[in-house]
Amino acid sequence: MNIEPVVSIHNLTMSYGTKEVLKGISLEIYGGQVIGYIGPNGAGKSTTVKIMLGLVDGYSGRIKIFGEDISSGSVEYKRKIGYVPETVEIYDNLTAYEYLTFIGEVYGLDLHQANNKAKKLMSMLGIEEVYHARISSYSKGMKQKLLIISSLIHNPDILFLDEPLSGLDANSVMIVKEILAGLAALGKTIFYSSHIMDVVEKISSRIILINDGQIVADGSFDELKEKSSKGSLEQIFNQLTGFNKHKEIAHEFINELQEFNR
């Protein structure tokens, strides 16, 4: 049986002025995969995701999501997508009730459905007591949980996550990891971008490493480890991106600090 990819990208290029950010990205992503999409700052990770979300235009190449070319102008595919950005401006003057029911209605839920689901999800993540409080009063961890709930409330088929565990306590991190694994088991596709290598290593079924606008590695952690002389994902990352001065820089940094005490 021929299984169609959920996301198909062919020869994706993108430039900002004279700077070429993406230099011919091609890949296919299938349902049930947890993709760890990693790379140094400026490598093109966020640009790739924003193009797929329809937030950035001006690219060359072809992108199909659920078999639909996103350049067609249709927004139907976006109804099946959830997104947690690395930094976001939440409407702080709203309550969680107002924010989550608004998001739910945007994605086609009625007010009653959105309200019931929002309350239950807030309760499961331990923040039901602030459901009617202004978001401006939330801690960073509470806001992050709210963002995760808002990205999932419509039960999307693809979830794009950019540093989703930022600000969460250890127990919440374990819960979110289990949620992602469960969603993948149901055939959902998770596109996970993070700088925390050990988390990417543990949750990803497939790791795509991008450097200088190009894919330099693509496979499971075990497959990447076989092709590298290094052991951990962090070490593989450093080897493939050519960064090997972390110890030297740290040593110089500490020496500089100590100069003031001599």
C-alpha atoms as a PDB file:
ATOM      1  CA  MET A   1       0.000   0.000   0.000  1.00  0.00           C
ATOM      2  CA  ASN A   2       1.342   3.415  -0.965  1.00  0.00           C
ATOM      3  CA  ILE A   3       1.449   5.711   2.068  1.00  0.00           C
ATOM      4  CA  GLU A   4       1.328   9.387   1.174  1.00  0.00           C
ATOM      5  CA  PRO A   5       3.504  11.786   3.163  1.00  0.00           C
ATOM      6  CA  VAL A   6       1.716  14.240   5.416  1.00  0.00           C
ATOM      7  CA  VAL A   7       4.294  16.894   4.496  1.00  0.00           C
ATOM      8  CA  SER A   8       6.297  16.943   1.277  1.00  0.00           C
ATOM      9  CA  ILE A   9       8.962  19.612   0.681  1.00  0.00           C
ATOM     10  CA  HIS A  10      10.903  19.797  -2.568  1.00  0.00           C
ATOM     11  CA  ASN A  11      13.871  22.096  -3.200  1.00  0.00           C
ATOM     12  CA  LEU A  12      12.771  24.794  -0.745  1.00  0.00           C
ATOM     13  CA  THR A  13      14.863  27.946  -0.964  1.00  0.00           C
ATOM     14  CA  MET A  14      14.388  31.263   0.774  1.00  0.00           C
ATOM     15  CA  SER A  15      16.369  34.497   0.896  1.00  0.00           C
ATOM     16  CA  TYR A  16      16.122  37.649   2.980  1.00  0.00           C
ATOM     17  CA  GLY A  17      17.688  40.305   0.780  1.00  0.00           C
ATOM     18  CA  THR A  18      21.057  38.961  -0.317  1.00  0.00           C
ATOM     19  CA  LYS A  19      21.211  36.347   2.463  1.00  0.00           C
ATOM     20  CA  GLU A  20      20.153  32.861   1.372  1.00  0.00           C
ATOM     21  CA  VAL A  21      18.583  31.264   4.448  1.00  0.00           C
ATOM     22  CA  LEU A  22      17.347  27.983   2.931  1.00  0.00           C
ATOM     23  CA  LYS A  23      19.388  26.335   0.188  1.00  0.00           C
ATOM     24  CA  GLY A  24      17.308  23.546  -1.297  1.00  0.00           C
ATOM     25  CA  ILE A  25      15.552  21.711   1.547  1.00  0.00           C
ATOM     26  CA  SER A  26      13.813  18.501   0.435  1.00  0.00           C
ATOM     27  CA  LEU A  27      12.122  16.009   2.749  1.00  0.00           C
ATOM     28  CA  GLU A  28       9.001  13.931   3.288  1.00  0.00           C
ATOM     29  CA  ILE A  29       7.301  13.489   6.659  1.00  0.00           C
ATOM     30  CA  TYR A  30       4.764  10.799   7.507  1.00  0.00           C
ATOM     31  CA  GLY A  31       1.986  10.371  10.042  1.00  0.00           C
ATOM     32  CA  GLY A  32       3.076   9.089  13.435  1.00  0.00           C
ATOM     33  CA  GLN A  33       6.590  10.500  13.197  1.00  0.00           C
ATOM     34  CA  VAL A  34       8.078  12.685  15.923  1.00  0.00           C
ATOM     35  CA  ILE A  35      10.530  14.856  14.017  1.00  0.00           C
ATOM     36  CA  GLY A  36      13.339  16.478  15.958  1.00  0.00           C
ATOM     37  CA  TYR A  37      14.212  19.484  13.766  1.00  0.00           C
ATOM     38  CA  ILE A  38      17.462  20.907  15.093  1.00  0.00           C
ATOM     39  CA  GLY A  39      20.296  23.203  14.084  1.00  0.00           C
ATOM     40  CA  PRO A  40      22.305  26.236  15.191  1.00  0.00           C
ATOM     41  CA  ASN A  41      20.712  29.666  15.497  1.00  0.00           C
ATOM     42  CA  GLY A  42      20.253  31.107  12.026  1.00  0.00           C
ATOM     43  CA  ALA A  43      20.361  27.710  10.317  1.00  0.00           C
ATOM     44  CA  GLY A  44      16.854  28.133   8.873  1.00  0.00           C
ATOM     45  CA  LYS A  45      14.720  26.072  11.292  1.00  0.00           C
ATOM     46  CA  SER A  46      12.184  28.762  12.172  1.00  0.00           C
ATOM     47  CA  THR A  47      11.992  29.945   8.574  1.00  0.00           C
ATOM     48  CA  THR A  48      11.116  26.420   7.413  1.00  0.00           C
ATOM     49  CA  VAL A  49       8.337  26.130   9.980  1.00  0.00           C
ATOM     50  CA  LYS A  50       6.927  29.610   9.315  1.00  0.00           C
ATOM     51  CA  ILE A  51       6.771  28.878   5.582  1.00  0.00           C
ATOM     52  CA  MET A  52       4.839  25.655   6.248  1.00  0.00           C
ATOM     53  CA  LEU A  53       2.470  27.571   8.533  1.00  0.00           C
ATOM     54  CA  GLY A  54       1.879  30.159   5.822  1.00  0.00           C
ATOM     55  CA  LEU A  55       3.399  32.949   7.908  1.00  0.00           C
ATOM     56  CA  VAL A  56       6.245  33.701   5.477  1.00  0.00           C
ATOM     57  CA  ASP A  57       6.006  34.123   1.708  1.00  0.00           C
ATOM     58  CA  GLY A  58       8.557  34.739  -1.025  1.00  0.00           C
ATOM     59  CA  TYR A  59      10.062  31.237  -1.061  1.00  0.00           C
ATOM     60  CA  SER A  60      10.897  29.040  -4.053  1.00  0.00           C
ATOM     61  CA  GLY A  61      10.173  25.334  -4.270  1.00  0.00           C
ATOM     62  CA  ARG A  62       7.110  23.210  -3.574  1.00  0.00           C
ATOM     63  CA  ILE A  63       5.428  22.341  -0.278  1.00  0.00           C
ATOM     64  CA  LYS A  64       2.459  20.007   0.032  1.00  0.00           C
ATOM     65  CA  ILE A  65       0.651  19.414   3.320  1.00  0.00           C
ATOM     66  CA  PHE A  66      -2.018  16.693   3.341  1.00  0.00           C
ATOM     67  CA  GLY A  67      -1.457  16.512  -0.426  1.00  0.00           C
ATOM     68  CA  GLU A  68      -2.374  20.170  -0.942  1.00  0.00           C
ATOM     69  CA  ASP A  69       0.085  22.660  -2.395  1.00  0.00           C
ATOM     70  CA  ILE A  70       0.151  25.459   0.184  1.00  0.00           C
ATOM     71  CA  SER A  71       0.792  28.054  -2.543  1.00  0.00           C
ATOM     72  CA  SER A  72      -2.803  27.527  -3.718  1.00  0.00           C
ATOM     73  CA  GLY A  73      -4.006  30.049  -1.144  1.00  0.00           C
ATOM     74  CA  SER A  74      -6.350  27.625   0.611  1.00  0.00           C
ATOM     75  CA  VAL A  75      -6.367  27.738   4.410  1.00  0.00           C
ATOM     76  CA  GLU A  76      -8.124  24.408   4.950  1.00  0.00           C
ATOM     77  CA  TYR A  77      -4.890  22.578   5.792  1.00  0.00           C
ATOM     78  CA  LYS A  78      -4.254  25.054   8.612  1.00  0.00           C
ATOM     79  CA  ARG A  79      -7.319  23.760  10.467  1.00  0.00           C
ATOM     80  CA  LYS A  80      -5.396  20.525  11.025  1.00  0.00           C
ATOM     81  CA  ILE A  81      -2.295  22.223  12.434  1.00  0.00           C
ATOM     82  CA  GLY A  82      -1.322  23.198  15.978  1.00  0.00           C
ATOM     83  CA  TYR A  83       1.582  25.534  16.756  1.00  0.00           C
ATOM     84  CA  VAL A  84       3.530  26.502  19.861  1.00  0.00           C
ATOM     85  CA  PRO A  85       6.029  29.251  18.911  1.00  0.00           C
ATOM     86  CA  GLU A  86       9.207  29.884  20.891  1.00  0.00           C
ATOM     87  CA  THR A  87       8.128  33.406  21.760  1.00  0.00           C
ATOM     88  CA  VAL A  88       4.583  34.649  21.506  1.00  0.00           C
ATOM     89  CA  GLU A  89       2.578  37.643  22.568  1.00  0.00           C
ATOM     90  CA  ILE A  90      -0.484  36.283  24.355  1.00  0.00           C
ATOM     91  CA  TYR A  91      -3.440  38.587  24.920  1.00  0.00           C
ATOM     92  CA  ASP A  92      -2.571  39.185  28.564  1.00  0.00           C
ATOM     93  CA  ASN A  93      -5.724  41.172  29.267  1.00  0.00           C
ATOM     94  CA  LEU A  94      -7.868  38.114  28.488  1.00  0.00           C
ATOM     95  CA  THR A  95      -8.677  35.235  30.816  1.00  0.00           C
ATOM     96  CA  ALA A  96      -7.835  31.657  29.862  1.00  0.00           C
ATOM     97  CA  TYR A  97     -11.565  31.091  29.352  1.00  0.00           C
ATOM     98  CA  GLU A  98     -11.757  33.969  26.884  1.00  0.00           C
ATOM     99  CA  TYR A  99      -8.517  33.027  25.106  1.00  0.00           C
ATOM    100  CA  LEU A 100      -9.122  29.282  24.760  1.00  0.00           C
ATOM    101  CA  THR A 101     -12.773  29.543  23.731  1.00  0.00           C
ATOM    102  CA  PHE A 102     -11.754  32.127  21.124  1.00  0.00           C
ATOM    103  CA  ILE A 103      -9.068  29.764  19.756  1.00  0.00           C
ATOM    104  CA  GLY A 104     -11.506  26.853  19.829  1.00  0.00           C
ATOM    105  CA  GLU A 105     -14.134  28.795  17.882  1.00  0.00           C
ATOM    106  CA  VAL A 106     -11.547  29.863  15.302  1.00  0.00           C
ATOM    107  CA  TYR A 107     -10.911  26.168  14.655  1.00  0.00           C
ATOM    108  CA  GLY A 108     -14.599  25.286  14.371  1.00  0.00           C
ATOM    109  CA  LEU A 109     -15.640  24.298  17.894  1.00  0.00           C
ATOM    110  CA  ASP A 110     -18.784  25.846  19.319  1.00  0.00           C
ATOM    111  CA  LEU A 111     -18.554  27.827  22.553  1.00  0.00           C
ATOM    112  CA  HIS A 112     -19.915  25.000  24.711  1.00  0.00           C
ATOM    113  CA  GLN A 113     -17.455  22.456  23.264  1.00  0.00           C
ATOM    114  CA  ALA A 114     -14.496  24.814  23.553  1.00  0.00           C
ATOM    115  CA  ASN A 115     -15.364  25.782  27.132  1.00  0.00           C
ATOM    116  CA  ASN A 116     -15.780  22.193  28.337  1.00  0.00           C
ATOM    117  CA  LYS A 117     -12.608  20.990  26.634  1.00  0.00           C
ATOM    118  CA  ALA A 118     -10.574  23.990  27.840  1.00  0.00           C
ATOM    119  CA  LYS A 119     -11.633  23.498  31.482  1.00  0.00           C
ATOM    120  CA  LYS A 120     -10.819  19.789  31.392  1.00  0.00           C
ATOM    121  CA  LEU A 121      -7.402  20.305  29.783  1.00  0.00           C
ATOM    122  CA  MET A 122      -6.554  23.117  32.221  1.00  0.00           C
ATOM    123  CA  SER A 123      -7.521  20.812  35.107  1.00  0.00           C
ATOM    124  CA  MET A 124      -5.355  17.960  33.795  1.00  0.00           C
ATOM    125  CA  LEU A 125      -2.341  20.276  33.693  1.00  0.00           C
ATOM    126  CA  GLY A 126      -3.046  21.590  37.193  1.00  0.00           C
ATOM    127  CA  ILE A 127      -4.012  25.172  36.373  1.00  0.00           C
ATOM    128  CA  GLU A 128      -7.818  25.031  36.506  1.00  0.00           C
ATOM    129  CA  GLU A 129      -7.869  27.527  39.396  1.00  0.00           C
ATOM    130  CA  VAL A 130      -6.719  30.335  37.059  1.00  0.00           C
ATOM    131  CA  TYR A 131      -9.217  29.571  34.298  1.00  0.00           C
ATOM    132  CA  HIS A 132     -11.030  32.868  34.897  1.00  0.00           C
ATOM    133  CA  ALA A 133      -7.948  34.883  35.928  1.00  0.00           C
ATOM    134  CA  ARG A 134      -6.209  37.362  33.641  1.00  0.00           C
ATOM    135  CA  ILE A 135      -3.313  35.788  31.756  1.00  0.00           C
ATOM    136  CA  SER A 136      -1.152  38.725  32.864  1.00  0.00           C
ATOM    137  CA  SER A 137      -1.166  37.216  36.370  1.00  0.00           C
ATOM    138  CA  TYR A 138       0.227  33.857  35.180  1.00  0.00           C
ATOM    139  CA  SER A 139       3.732  32.546  35.778  1.00  0.00           C
ATOM    140  CA  LYS A 140       5.882  31.602  32.787  1.00  0.00           C
ATOM    141  CA  GLY A 141       5.063  27.928  33.306  1.00  0.00           C
ATOM    142  CA  MET A 142       1.323  28.616  33.415  1.00  0.00           C
ATOM    143  CA  LYS A 143       1.522  30.599  30.178  1.00  0.00           C
ATOM    144  CA  GLN A 144       3.446  27.765  28.531  1.00  0.00           C
ATOM    145  CA  LYS A 145       0.785  25.250  29.571  1.00  0.00           C
ATOM    146  CA  LEU A 146      -1.872  27.585  28.182  1.00  0.00           C
ATOM    147  CA  LEU A 147      -0.036  27.752  24.853  1.00  0.00           C
ATOM    148  CA  ILE A 148       0.230  23.967  24.689  1.00  0.00           C
ATOM    149  CA  ILE A 149      -3.493  23.618  25.393  1.00  0.00           C
ATOM    150  CA  SER A 150      -4.373  26.242  22.763  1.00  0.00           C
ATOM    151  CA  SER A 151      -2.297  24.364  20.167  1.00  0.00           C
ATOM    152  CA  LEU A 152      -4.108  21.076  20.888  1.00  0.00           C
ATOM    153  CA  ILE A 153      -7.677  22.090  21.714  1.00  0.00           C
ATOM    154  CA  HIS A 154      -8.882  21.377  18.151  1.00  0.00           C
ATOM    155  CA  ASN A 155      -7.146  17.958  18.020  1.00  0.00           C
ATOM    156  CA  PRO A 156      -4.766  18.780  15.120  1.00  0.00           C
ATOM    157  CA  ASP A 157      -3.088  16.185  12.896  1.00  0.00           C
ATOM    158  CA  ILE A 158       0.241  18.043  12.795  1.00  0.00           C
ATOM    159  CA  LEU A 159       1.778  19.793  15.777  1.00  0.00           C
ATOM    160  CA  PHE A 160       4.644  22.256  15.376  1.00  0.00           C
ATOM    161  CA  LEU A 161       6.493  22.851  18.651  1.00  0.00           C
ATOM    162  CA  ASP A 162       9.317  25.350  19.138  1.00  0.00           C
ATOM    163  CA  GLU A 163      10.918  24.946  22.603  1.00  0.00           C
ATOM    164  CA  PRO A 164       7.589  23.759  24.089  1.00  0.00           C
ATOM    165  CA  LEU A 165       9.050  22.741  27.464  1.00  0.00           C
ATOM    166  CA  SER A 166      10.402  26.197  28.283  1.00  0.00           C
ATOM    167  CA  GLY A 167       9.390  27.215  31.820  1.00  0.00           C
ATOM    168  CA  LEU A 168       7.731  23.913  32.727  1.00  0.00           C
ATOM    169  CA  ASP A 169       8.479  22.085  35.973  1.00  0.00           C
ATOM    170  CA  ALA A 170       9.844  18.525  35.919  1.00  0.00           C
ATOM    171  CA  ASN A 171       6.453  16.856  36.412  1.00  0.00           C
ATOM    172  CA  SER A 172       4.863  18.877  33.624  1.00  0.00           C
ATOM    173  CA  VAL A 173       7.757  18.036  31.304  1.00  0.00           C
ATOM    174  CA  MET A 174       7.097  14.320  31.871  1.00  0.00           C
ATOM    175  CA  ILE A 175       3.379  14.796  31.192  1.00  0.00           C
ATOM    176  CA  VAL A 176       4.014  16.689  27.926  1.00  0.00           C
ATOM    177  CA  LYS A 177       6.482  14.024  26.754  1.00  0.00           C
ATOM    178  CA  GLU A 178       3.837  11.344  27.375  1.00  0.00           C
ATOM    179  CA  ILE A 179       1.217  13.418  25.542  1.00  0.00           C
ATOM    180  CA  LEU A 180       3.487  13.727  22.502  1.00  0.00           C
ATOM    181  CA  ALA A 181       4.242   9.996  22.499  1.00  0.00           C
ATOM    182  CA  GLY A 182       0.528   9.209  22.765  1.00  0.00           C
ATOM    183  CA  LEU A 183      -0.381  11.560  19.931  1.00  0.00           C
ATOM    184  CA  ALA A 184       2.291  10.027  17.703  1.00  0.00           C
ATOM    185  CA  ALA A 185       0.915   6.562  18.484  1.00  0.00           C
ATOM    186  CA  LEU A 186      -2.461   7.793  17.204  1.00  0.00           C
ATOM    187  CA  GLY A 187      -0.828   8.757  13.887  1.00  0.00           C
ATOM    188  CA  LYS A 188      -0.353  12.460  14.619  1.00  0.00           C
ATOM    189  CA  THR A 189       2.796  14.107  13.277  1.00  0.00           C
ATOM    190  CA  ILE A 190       4.965  16.069  15.732  1.00  0.00           C
ATOM    191  CA  PHE A 191       7.478  18.587  14.416  1.00  0.00           C
ATOM    192  CA  TYR A 192       9.694  19.389  17.406  1.00  0.00           C
ATOM    193  CA  SER A 193      12.360  22.077  17.433  1.00  0.00           C
ATOM    194  CA  SER A 194      14.575  22.561  20.485  1.00  0.00           C
ATOM    195  CA  HIS A 195      18.109  23.323  21.618  1.00  0.00           C
ATOM    196  CA  ILE A 196      17.809  20.793  24.462  1.00  0.00           C
ATOM    197  CA  MET A 197      19.537  17.881  22.779  1.00  0.00           C
ATOM    198  CA  ASP A 198      18.818  15.200  25.367  1.00  0.00           C
ATOM    199  CA  VAL A 199      15.057  15.852  25.069  1.00  0.00           C
ATOM    200  CA  VAL A 200      15.172  15.704  21.261  1.00  0.00           C
ATOM    201  CA  GLU A 201      17.212  12.502  21.490  1.00  0.00           C
ATOM    202  CA  LYS A 202      14.670  10.831  23.787  1.00  0.00           C
ATOM    203  CA  ILE A 203      11.372  11.799  22.164  1.00  0.00           C
ATOM    204  CA  SER A 204      12.193  11.847  18.432  1.00  0.00           C
ATOM    205  CA  SER A 205      11.665   8.909  16.110  1.00  0.00           C
ATOM    206  CA  ARG A 206      13.501  10.851  13.408  1.00  0.00           C
ATOM    207  CA  ILE A 207      16.041  13.651  13.726  1.00  0.00           C
ATOM    208  CA  ILE A 208      16.695  16.180  10.974  1.00  0.00           C
ATOM    209  CA  LEU A 209      19.747  18.382  11.454  1.00  0.00           C
ATOM    210  CA  ILE A 210      19.903  21.564   9.419  1.00  0.00           C
ATOM    211  CA  ASN A 211      23.028  23.702   9.117  1.00  0.00           C
ATOM    212  CA  ASP A 212      23.574  26.788   6.970  1.00  0.00           C
ATOM    213  CA  GLY A 213      20.244  26.292   5.199  1.00  0.00           C
ATOM    214  CA  GLN A 214      20.841  22.657   4.254  1.00  0.00           C
ATOM    215  CA  ILE A 215      19.990  19.252   5.713  1.00  0.00           C
ATOM    216  CA  VAL A 216      23.226  17.646   6.902  1.00  0.00           C
ATOM    217  CA  ALA A 217      21.743  14.618   8.719  1.00  0.00           C
ATOM    218  CA  ASP A 218      18.415  12.765   8.633  1.00  0.00           C
ATOM    219  CA  GLY A 219      17.583   9.567  10.509  1.00  0.00           C
ATOM    220  CA  SER A 220      16.838   8.016  13.879  1.00  0.00           C
ATOM    221  CA  PHE A 221      19.236   8.716  16.731  1.00  0.00           C
ATOM    222  CA  ASP A 222      20.698   5.213  16.374  1.00  0.00           C
ATOM    223  CA  GLU A 223      21.224   5.749  12.642  1.00  0.00           C
ATOM    224  CA  LEU A 224      22.949   9.085  13.221  1.00  0.00           C
ATOM    225  CA  LYS A 225      25.111   7.541  15.920  1.00  0.00           C
ATOM    226  CA  GLU A 226      26.229   4.787  13.529  1.00  0.00           C
ATOM    227  CA  LYS A 227      27.393   7.373  11.009  1.00  0.00           C
ATOM    228  CA  SER A 228      29.261   9.409  13.607  1.00  0.00           C
ATOM    229  CA  SER A 229      32.213   8.781  15.870  1.00  0.00           C
ATOM    230  CA  LYS A 230      30.353  10.641  18.628  1.00  0.00           C
ATOM    231  CA  GLY A 231      27.999   9.236  21.248  1.00  0.00           C
ATOM    232  CA  SER A 232      25.388  11.775  22.336  1.00  0.00           C
ATOM    233  CA  LEU A 233      23.177  13.870  20.067  1.00  0.00           C
ATOM    234  CA  GLU A 234      24.897  16.982  21.394  1.00  0.00           C
ATOM    235  CA  GLN A 235      28.285  15.591  20.317  1.00  0.00           C
ATOM    236  CA  ILE A 236      26.911  14.535  16.919  1.00  0.00           C
ATOM    237  CA  PHE A 237      25.405  18.016  16.547  1.00  0.00           C
ATOM    238  CA  ASN A 238      28.743  19.662  17.296  1.00  0.00           C
ATOM    239  CA  GLN A 239      30.588  17.383  14.895  1.00  0.00           C
ATOM    240  CA  LEU A 240      28.196  17.923  11.970  1.00  0.00           C
ATOM    241  CA  THR A 241      27.901  21.680  12.458  1.00  0.00           C
ATOM    242  CA  GLY A 242      31.655  22.075  12.879  1.00  0.00           C
ATOM    243  CA  PHE A 243      31.412  23.580  16.356  1.00  0.00           C
ATOM    244  CA  ASN A 244      34.047  22.148  18.662  1.00  0.00           C
ATOM    245  CA  LYS A 245      35.210  25.123  20.707  1.00  0.00           C
ATOM    246  CA  HIS A 246      32.694  24.968  23.562  1.00  0.00           C
ATOM    247  CA  LYS A 247      35.255  23.808  26.128  1.00  0.00           C
ATOM    248  CA  GLU A 248      37.850  26.316  24.942  1.00  0.00           C
ATOM    249  CA  ILE A 249      35.391  29.234  25.081  1.00  0.00           C
ATOM    250  CA  ALA A 250      34.098  28.193  28.523  1.00  0.00           C
ATOM    251  CA  HIS A 251      37.684  27.944  29.810  1.00  0.00           C
ATOM    252  CA  GLU A 252      38.536  31.419  28.484  1.00  0.00           C
ATOM    253  CA  PHE A 253      35.300  32.819  29.910  1.00  0.00           C
ATOM    254  CA  ILE A 254      36.088  31.492  33.399  1.00  0.00           C
ATOM    255  CA  ASN A 255      39.674  32.762  33.188  1.00  0.00           C
ATOM    256  CA  GLU A 256      38.389  36.213  32.295  1.00  0.00           C
ATOM    257  CA  LEU A 257      36.065  36.207  35.310  1.00  0.00           C
ATOM    258  CA  GLN A 258      38.931  35.288  37.594  1.00  0.00           C
ATOM    259  CA  GLU A 259      41.115  38.112  36.289  1.00  0.00           C
ATOM    260  CA  PHE A 260      39.123  40.558  38.428  1.00  0.00           C
ATOM    261  CA  ASN A 261      40.154  38.714  41.595  1.00  0.00           C
ATOM    262  CA  ARG A 262      43.886  38.695  40.904  1.00  0.00           C
END
